[in-house]
Amino acid sequence: MVLTKMNPINAERWQRFKNSRRGYWSLWIFSLLFVISLFAELIANDKPLFISYDHHWYFPIMYVYPETEFGGEFPTEADYTDPYVDELIREKGTIIWPLIRFSYDTINFNIDGGSVPSPPDAVNWLGTDDKGRDVLARIIYGFRISVLFGFVLTLVSSVIGVGAGAIQGYYGGWIDLFGQRFIEVWSGMPTLFLLIILSSFVEPNFWWLLGIMVLFSWMNLVGVVRAEFLRCRNFDYVRAALAMGVSDHQIMRRHMLPNAMVASLTMMPFILSGSVTTLTSLDFLGFGLPVGSPSLGELLAQGKANLQAPWLGISAFMVLSVMLTLLVFIGEAVRDAFDPHQYGKHT
């Protein structure tokens, strides 16, 4: 049904992508993991999903309730991990917890033995870090932040890169010459060191870090888009459009950009994986997201600093390995699907 709504070329591309079983199933697995991470608050949280108390319904993950609401003594927000509050609620109602009863910043004060990092057990399935926080909860939240950061960075940098490459390739001349010299100088700078220096000037957060990384990541698509526009600008249909008085903007957007997007789409999964790797590197070095944020790079750094707790490094390594492997497989399948030499062939 979906294929019938596509034009024949896109239908064949989709079919070739599906024929790449490794890439096709990687897309499904990655999408499933990402969708699950979007509902992290419903999976890993130190607040109950639902409370039925004295014939009233409460939703602590959405609203703040004082302890006095459940017969407690303090007017501040109820601490649902406190056994006293838990007992008060169960006396007159029921309480439904998430699958993991810890958020990414929840400290488990009831660790057996009292030492952190603590090994995996029935309460903390992947153990705790050196501050007593649940590793699995931090992985779920960290996975979501890494992928969302990579998506936004890929989208913004791709828009800038495609625009710059289109202008250079379409107009050529001094614009192209100046643009190429600027890119040669800008791309020759030590990107990671500059990111570290710029990150040290301001208190890092998601959007500051995103803006800083966009400064150095927009050049990935300039080359392929520029080459496509240089090739297409002398085609007969472009000359005919110019002769008919069609504006440069319309020619670039309607007639030339679709050709350049083929090469751009094949590179986007690899740009996404590179964005995730860069964020992880900055977090590992301590120049990434704010302290305390759920971060896979910060978990790797904890594994390096606590070699006696191998579950920290192994957990972060496995998550990153699976994530990047899936993205590479997806990228290879997209590249094969858009390969013009494969038109009319069936695998």
Protein backbone atom coordinates (compact mmCIF):
# COMPACT_ATOMS: atom_id res chain seq x y z
CA MET A 1 0.00 0.00 0.00
CA VAL A 2 2.84 2.37 0.86
CA LEU A 3 4.77 1.50 -2.29
CA THR A 4 1.77 2.29 -4.49
CA LYS A 5 1.77 5.89 -3.21
CA MET A 6 5.44 6.39 -4.10
CA ASN A 7 6.85 7.24 -7.48
CA PRO A 8 8.66 4.30 -9.10
CA ILE A 9 12.15 5.54 -8.20
CA ASN A 10 11.39 6.00 -4.51
CA ALA A 11 9.53 2.70 -4.43
CA GLU A 12 12.60 0.95 -5.83
CA ARG A 13 14.83 2.72 -3.33
CA TRP A 14 12.64 1.57 -0.44
CA GLN A 15 12.64 -1.96 -1.77
CA ARG A 16 16.43 -1.99 -2.01
CA PHE A 17 16.64 -0.67 1.53
CA LYS A 18 14.38 -3.49 2.73
CA ASN A 19 16.46 -6.01 0.82
CA SER A 20 19.43 -4.97 2.94
CA ARG A 21 18.26 -7.05 5.89
CA ARG A 22 21.02 -5.80 8.16
CA GLY A 23 20.15 -2.16 7.63
CA TYR A 24 16.39 -2.76 7.64
CA TRP A 25 16.39 -4.56 10.98
CA SER A 26 18.89 -2.08 12.39
CA LEU A 27 16.41 0.69 11.60
CA TRP A 28 13.65 -1.14 13.45
CA ILE A 29 15.84 -1.92 16.46
CA PHE A 30 17.19 1.63 16.68
CA SER A 31 13.71 3.12 16.30
CA LEU A 32 12.37 0.83 19.04
CA LEU A 33 15.19 1.77 21.43
CA PHE A 34 14.71 5.45 20.70
CA VAL A 35 10.93 5.33 21.21
CA ILE A 36 11.43 3.50 24.50
CA SER A 37 13.90 6.15 25.65
CA LEU A 38 11.38 8.90 24.85
CA PHE A 39 9.22 7.50 27.66
CA ALA A 40 12.12 7.32 30.12
CA GLU A 41 10.10 9.05 32.85
CA LEU A 42 7.53 6.25 32.68
CA ILE A 43 10.20 3.54 32.83
CA ALA A 44 12.75 4.88 35.32
CA ASN A 45 11.53 7.32 37.94
CA ASP A 46 11.67 7.83 41.70
CA LYS A 47 8.03 8.95 41.65
CA PRO A 48 5.08 6.54 41.30
CA LEU A 49 3.09 6.38 38.09
CA PHE A 50 -0.23 6.27 39.91
CA ILE A 51 -1.53 6.44 43.47
CA SER A 52 -5.01 5.58 44.68
CA TYR A 53 -5.40 7.01 48.18
CA ASP A 54 -8.61 7.37 50.18
CA HIS A 55 -10.76 7.06 47.02
CA HIS A 56 -8.75 9.74 45.18
CA TRP A 57 -6.39 9.36 42.24
CA TYR A 58 -2.95 10.94 42.09
CA PHE A 59 -0.31 11.14 39.34
CA PRO A 60 3.01 12.10 40.98
CA ILE A 61 5.02 12.04 37.74
CA MET A 62 2.85 14.89 36.46
CA TYR A 63 1.90 16.85 39.58
CA VAL A 64 3.48 17.77 42.90
CA TYR A 65 1.69 16.64 46.04
CA PRO A 66 2.65 17.57 49.62
CA GLU A 67 3.27 14.88 52.18
CA THR A 68 0.25 16.10 54.16
CA GLU A 69 -1.97 14.98 51.28
CA PHE A 70 -1.24 11.39 52.33
CA GLY A 71 -1.46 11.90 56.08
CA GLY A 72 2.14 12.99 56.59
CA GLU A 73 3.53 15.80 58.70
CA PHE A 74 5.40 18.07 56.27
CA PRO A 75 3.83 20.46 53.72
CA THR A 76 6.73 19.90 51.30
CA GLU A 77 6.67 17.51 48.33
CA ALA A 78 6.29 13.91 49.40
CA ASP A 79 9.38 11.72 49.21
CA TYR A 80 7.86 8.53 47.82
CA THR A 81 11.08 6.60 48.39
CA ASP A 82 10.74 7.17 52.14
CA PRO A 83 9.39 3.96 53.75
CA TYR A 84 7.26 6.10 56.08
CA VAL A 85 5.44 7.79 53.16
CA ASP A 86 5.12 4.47 51.34
CA GLU A 87 3.49 2.90 54.40
CA LEU A 88 1.08 5.85 54.79
CA ILE A 89 -0.12 5.47 51.22
CA ARG A 90 -0.52 1.70 51.38
CA GLU A 91 -2.64 1.94 54.53
CA LYS A 92 -5.47 3.59 52.58
CA GLY A 93 -4.70 2.84 48.97
CA THR A 94 -2.37 1.41 46.37
CA ILE A 95 0.75 2.66 44.65
CA ILE A 96 2.05 1.72 41.20
CA TRP A 97 5.74 2.22 40.52
CA PRO A 98 7.68 2.36 37.22
CA LEU A 99 9.71 -0.66 36.19
CA ILE A 100 12.85 1.02 37.59
CA ARG A 101 12.31 2.93 40.81
CA PHE A 102 15.16 5.37 40.21
CA SER A 103 15.53 8.44 38.06
CA TYR A 104 18.87 9.42 36.51
CA ASP A 105 19.74 11.61 39.52
CA THR A 106 18.25 9.48 42.30
CA ILE A 107 20.77 8.41 44.93
CA ASN A 108 20.17 5.02 46.50
CA PHE A 109 20.90 5.42 50.21
CA ASN A 110 19.98 1.81 50.98
CA ILE A 111 22.84 0.04 49.21
CA ASP A 112 23.92 -3.25 50.74
CA GLY A 113 27.31 -2.71 52.32
CA GLY A 114 27.00 1.07 51.90
CA SER A 115 29.93 1.38 49.47
CA VAL A 116 29.70 2.86 45.98
CA PRO A 117 29.96 2.04 43.18
CA SER A 118 27.90 -1.02 44.06
CA PRO A 119 27.68 -4.11 41.82
CA PRO A 120 24.51 -5.19 40.01
CA ASP A 121 21.82 -6.71 42.20
CA ALA A 122 18.04 -7.21 42.29
CA VAL A 123 17.44 -3.50 43.02
CA ASN A 124 20.04 -1.84 40.77
CA TRP A 125 20.15 -4.16 37.77
CA LEU A 126 23.36 -2.69 36.35
CA GLY A 127 24.73 -1.49 39.67
CA THR A 128 25.32 2.10 40.76
CA ASP A 129 27.94 4.68 39.92
CA ASP A 130 30.35 6.33 42.34
CA LYS A 131 27.59 8.61 43.63
CA GLY A 132 25.06 5.85 44.24
CA ARG A 133 22.90 6.57 41.16
CA ASP A 134 21.32 3.74 39.21
CA VAL A 135 23.36 2.95 36.09
CA LEU A 136 20.47 1.57 34.02
CA ALA A 137 18.35 4.68 34.64
CA ARG A 138 21.22 6.93 33.61
CA ILE A 139 21.77 4.85 30.46
CA ILE A 140 18.13 5.19 29.41
CA TYR A 141 18.12 8.96 29.92
CA GLY A 142 21.62 9.32 28.47
CA PHE A 143 20.67 7.40 25.35
CA ARG A 144 17.74 9.76 24.78
CA ILE A 145 19.86 12.89 25.21
CA SER A 146 22.59 11.56 22.93
CA VAL A 147 20.19 10.66 20.11
CA LEU A 148 18.15 13.87 20.38
CA PHE A 149 21.34 15.93 20.43
CA GLY A 150 22.61 14.04 17.39
CA PHE A 151 19.32 14.50 15.52
CA VAL A 152 19.16 18.25 16.16
CA LEU A 153 22.84 18.76 15.36
CA THR A 154 22.54 16.72 12.16
CA LEU A 155 19.45 18.64 11.04
CA VAL A 156 20.82 22.12 11.74
CA SER A 157 24.30 21.46 10.35
CA SER A 158 22.82 19.77 7.26
CA VAL A 159 20.57 22.76 6.52
CA ILE A 160 23.53 25.14 6.78
CA GLY A 161 25.83 22.84 4.82
CA VAL A 162 23.34 22.24 2.01
CA GLY A 163 22.64 25.97 1.75
CA ALA A 164 26.32 26.86 1.61
CA GLY A 165 27.11 24.16 -0.94
CA ALA A 166 24.14 25.16 -3.10
CA ILE A 167 25.16 28.82 -3.22
CA GLN A 168 28.79 27.98 -4.02
CA GLY A 169 27.89 25.49 -6.74
CA TYR A 170 25.16 27.55 -8.38
CA TYR A 171 26.90 30.91 -8.58
CA GLY A 172 30.50 29.72 -8.84
CA GLY A 173 33.12 32.36 -9.56
CA TRP A 174 34.36 34.47 -6.67
CA ILE A 175 31.65 33.20 -4.34
CA ASP A 176 32.78 29.62 -4.86
CA LEU A 177 36.46 30.55 -4.65
CA PHE A 178 36.07 32.51 -1.42
CA GLY A 179 33.83 29.80 0.07
CA GLN A 180 36.31 27.04 -0.69
CA ARG A 181 39.24 28.96 0.78
CA PHE A 182 37.22 29.70 3.94
CA ILE A 183 36.24 26.04 4.31
CA GLU A 184 39.85 24.92 3.83
CA VAL A 185 40.99 27.21 6.65
CA TRP A 186 38.02 26.47 8.92
CA SER A 187 38.22 22.69 8.45
CA GLY A 188 41.96 22.72 9.20
CA MET A 189 41.41 23.92 12.75
CA PRO A 190 41.71 21.41 15.63
CA THR A 191 37.98 21.02 16.17
CA LEU A 192 38.00 19.08 19.45
CA PHE A 193 40.46 21.47 21.11
CA LEU A 194 38.46 24.50 19.98
CA LEU A 195 35.27 22.92 21.32
CA ILE A 196 36.98 22.39 24.67
CA ILE A 197 38.22 25.98 24.76
CA LEU A 198 34.86 27.48 23.80
CA SER A 199 33.00 25.23 26.24
CA SER A 200 35.21 26.48 29.07
CA PHE A 201 34.07 30.10 28.55
CA VAL A 202 30.41 29.47 29.39
CA GLU A 203 28.56 27.09 31.64
CA PRO A 204 27.76 24.24 29.25
CA ASN A 205 24.18 23.20 28.58
CA PHE A 206 22.35 21.42 25.78
CA TRP A 207 21.78 24.49 23.58
CA TRP A 208 25.14 26.18 24.16
CA LEU A 209 26.92 22.96 23.33
CA LEU A 210 24.73 22.48 20.27
CA GLY A 211 25.51 25.97 18.98
CA ILE A 212 29.24 25.54 19.51
CA MET A 213 29.30 22.20 17.69
CA VAL A 214 27.27 23.55 14.77
CA LEU A 215 30.13 25.98 14.09
CA PHE A 216 32.36 23.07 13.08
CA SER A 217 29.95 20.40 11.82
CA TRP A 218 28.17 22.19 8.96
CA MET A 219 30.92 21.47 6.42
CA ASN A 220 30.17 17.75 6.07
CA LEU A 221 27.69 18.18 3.21
CA VAL A 222 29.12 21.25 1.49
CA GLY A 223 31.38 19.27 -0.84
CA VAL A 224 28.79 16.85 -2.24
CA VAL A 225 26.09 19.52 -2.63
CA ARG A 226 28.49 21.95 -4.28
CA ALA A 227 29.62 19.28 -6.75
CA GLU A 228 26.02 18.41 -7.65
CA PHE A 229 25.08 22.05 -8.22
CA LEU A 230 28.19 22.63 -10.33
CA ARG A 231 27.19 19.66 -12.45
CA CYS A 232 23.54 20.63 -12.81
CA ARG A 233 23.80 24.36 -13.42
CA ASN A 234 24.69 23.87 -17.11
CA PHE A 235 21.94 21.33 -17.83
CA ASP A 236 19.41 22.24 -20.48
CA TYR A 237 16.43 22.35 -18.12
CA VAL A 238 18.24 24.85 -15.88
CA ARG A 239 19.12 27.04 -18.86
CA ALA A 240 15.54 26.83 -20.06
CA ALA A 241 14.23 27.88 -16.65
CA LEU A 242 16.60 30.86 -16.64
CA ALA A 243 15.46 31.85 -20.12
CA MET A 244 11.84 31.76 -18.94
CA GLY A 245 12.63 34.18 -16.14
CA VAL A 246 12.44 31.74 -13.24
CA SER A 247 14.21 33.13 -10.18
CA ASP A 248 17.48 31.67 -8.96
CA HIS A 249 15.85 30.63 -5.69
CA GLN A 250 13.13 28.64 -7.44
CA ILE A 251 15.61 26.97 -9.78
CA MET A 252 17.83 25.94 -6.89
CA ARG A 253 14.95 24.70 -4.74
CA ARG A 254 12.76 22.97 -7.33
CA HIS A 255 15.14 21.74 -10.02
CA MET A 256 18.59 21.28 -8.50
CA LEU A 257 18.15 20.61 -4.79
CA PRO A 258 16.31 17.25 -5.25
CA ASN A 259 19.36 15.89 -7.11
CA ALA A 260 21.71 17.06 -4.35
CA MET A 261 19.51 15.60 -1.60
CA VAL A 262 20.22 12.06 -2.79
CA ALA A 263 23.87 12.34 -1.83
CA SER A 264 23.00 14.30 1.32
CA LEU A 265 20.56 11.69 2.64
CA THR A 266 23.11 8.92 2.24
CA MET A 267 25.53 10.78 4.51
CA MET A 268 23.12 11.81 7.27
CA PRO A 269 23.25 8.56 9.30
CA PHE A 270 27.04 8.82 9.38
CA ILE A 271 26.82 12.49 10.42
CA LEU A 272 24.44 11.44 13.20
CA SER A 273 26.85 8.81 14.50
CA GLY A 274 29.70 11.33 14.37
CA SER A 275 27.63 13.84 16.35
CA VAL A 276 26.93 11.27 19.07
CA THR A 277 30.63 10.36 19.21
CA THR A 278 31.69 14.00 19.56
CA LEU A 279 29.21 14.62 22.39
CA THR A 280 30.40 11.46 24.15
CA SER A 281 34.03 12.58 23.79
CA LEU A 282 33.31 15.99 25.31
CA ASP A 283 31.37 14.44 28.19
CA PHE A 284 34.19 11.97 28.77
CA LEU A 285 36.69 14.84 29.00
CA GLY A 286 34.38 16.85 31.29
CA PHE A 287 33.58 19.63 28.81
CA GLY A 288 30.16 18.45 27.70
CA LEU A 289 26.75 18.54 29.35
CA PRO A 290 26.34 20.06 32.83
CA VAL A 291 27.55 18.07 35.82
CA GLY A 292 24.95 15.54 36.91
CA SER A 293 23.31 15.22 33.49
CA PRO A 294 22.73 11.66 32.28
CA SER A 295 25.61 11.12 29.90
CA LEU A 296 27.18 8.08 28.31
CA GLY A 297 30.53 9.86 28.12
CA GLU A 298 30.42 10.68 31.83
CA LEU A 299 29.65 7.02 32.55
CA LEU A 300 32.72 6.02 30.52
CA ALA A 301 34.80 8.45 32.54
CA GLN A 302 33.49 6.87 35.75
CA GLY A 303 34.45 3.45 34.42
CA LYS A 304 37.97 4.72 33.75
CA ALA A 305 38.23 6.20 37.24
CA ASN A 306 36.78 3.11 38.94
CA LEU A 307 38.51 0.12 37.40
CA GLN A 308 37.39 -1.97 40.38
CA ALA A 309 33.80 -1.52 39.11
CA PRO A 310 33.91 -3.00 35.59
CA TRP A 311 30.12 -2.82 35.18
CA LEU A 312 30.38 0.95 34.65
CA GLY A 313 32.71 0.87 31.65
CA ILE A 314 31.19 -2.30 30.20
CA SER A 315 27.65 -0.90 30.35
CA ALA A 316 28.57 2.38 28.64
CA PHE A 317 30.73 0.59 26.06
CA MET A 318 27.98 -1.86 25.13
CA VAL A 319 25.36 0.89 24.72
CA LEU A 320 27.62 3.03 22.56
CA SER A 321 28.75 0.03 20.51
CA VAL A 322 25.19 -1.06 19.78
CA MET A 323 24.03 2.49 19.01
CA LEU A 324 26.86 3.33 16.62
CA THR A 325 26.76 -0.11 14.96
CA LEU A 326 23.06 0.26 14.24
CA LEU A 327 23.59 3.75 12.79
CA VAL A 328 26.42 2.54 10.55
CA PHE A 329 24.31 -0.37 9.27
CA ILE A 330 21.43 2.01 8.57
CA GLY A 331 23.77 4.38 6.76
CA GLU A 332 25.16 1.60 4.58
CA ALA A 333 21.64 0.47 3.66
CA VAL A 334 20.60 4.05 2.78
CA ARG A 335 23.73 4.48 0.69
CA ASP A 336 23.00 1.30 -1.26
CA ALA A 337 19.34 2.26 -1.67
CA PHE A 338 20.22 5.63 -3.25
CA ASP A 339 23.06 4.26 -5.39
CA PRO A 340 22.12 5.25 -8.98
CA HIS A 341 24.07 2.28 -10.36
CA GLN A 342 21.58 -0.07 -8.69
CA TYR A 343 18.49 1.15 -10.56
CA GLY A 344 16.67 -1.74 -12.18
CA LYS A 345 18.70 -4.34 -10.27
CA HIS A 346 17.19 -6.66 -7.68
CA THR A 347 19.16 -8.21 -4.83
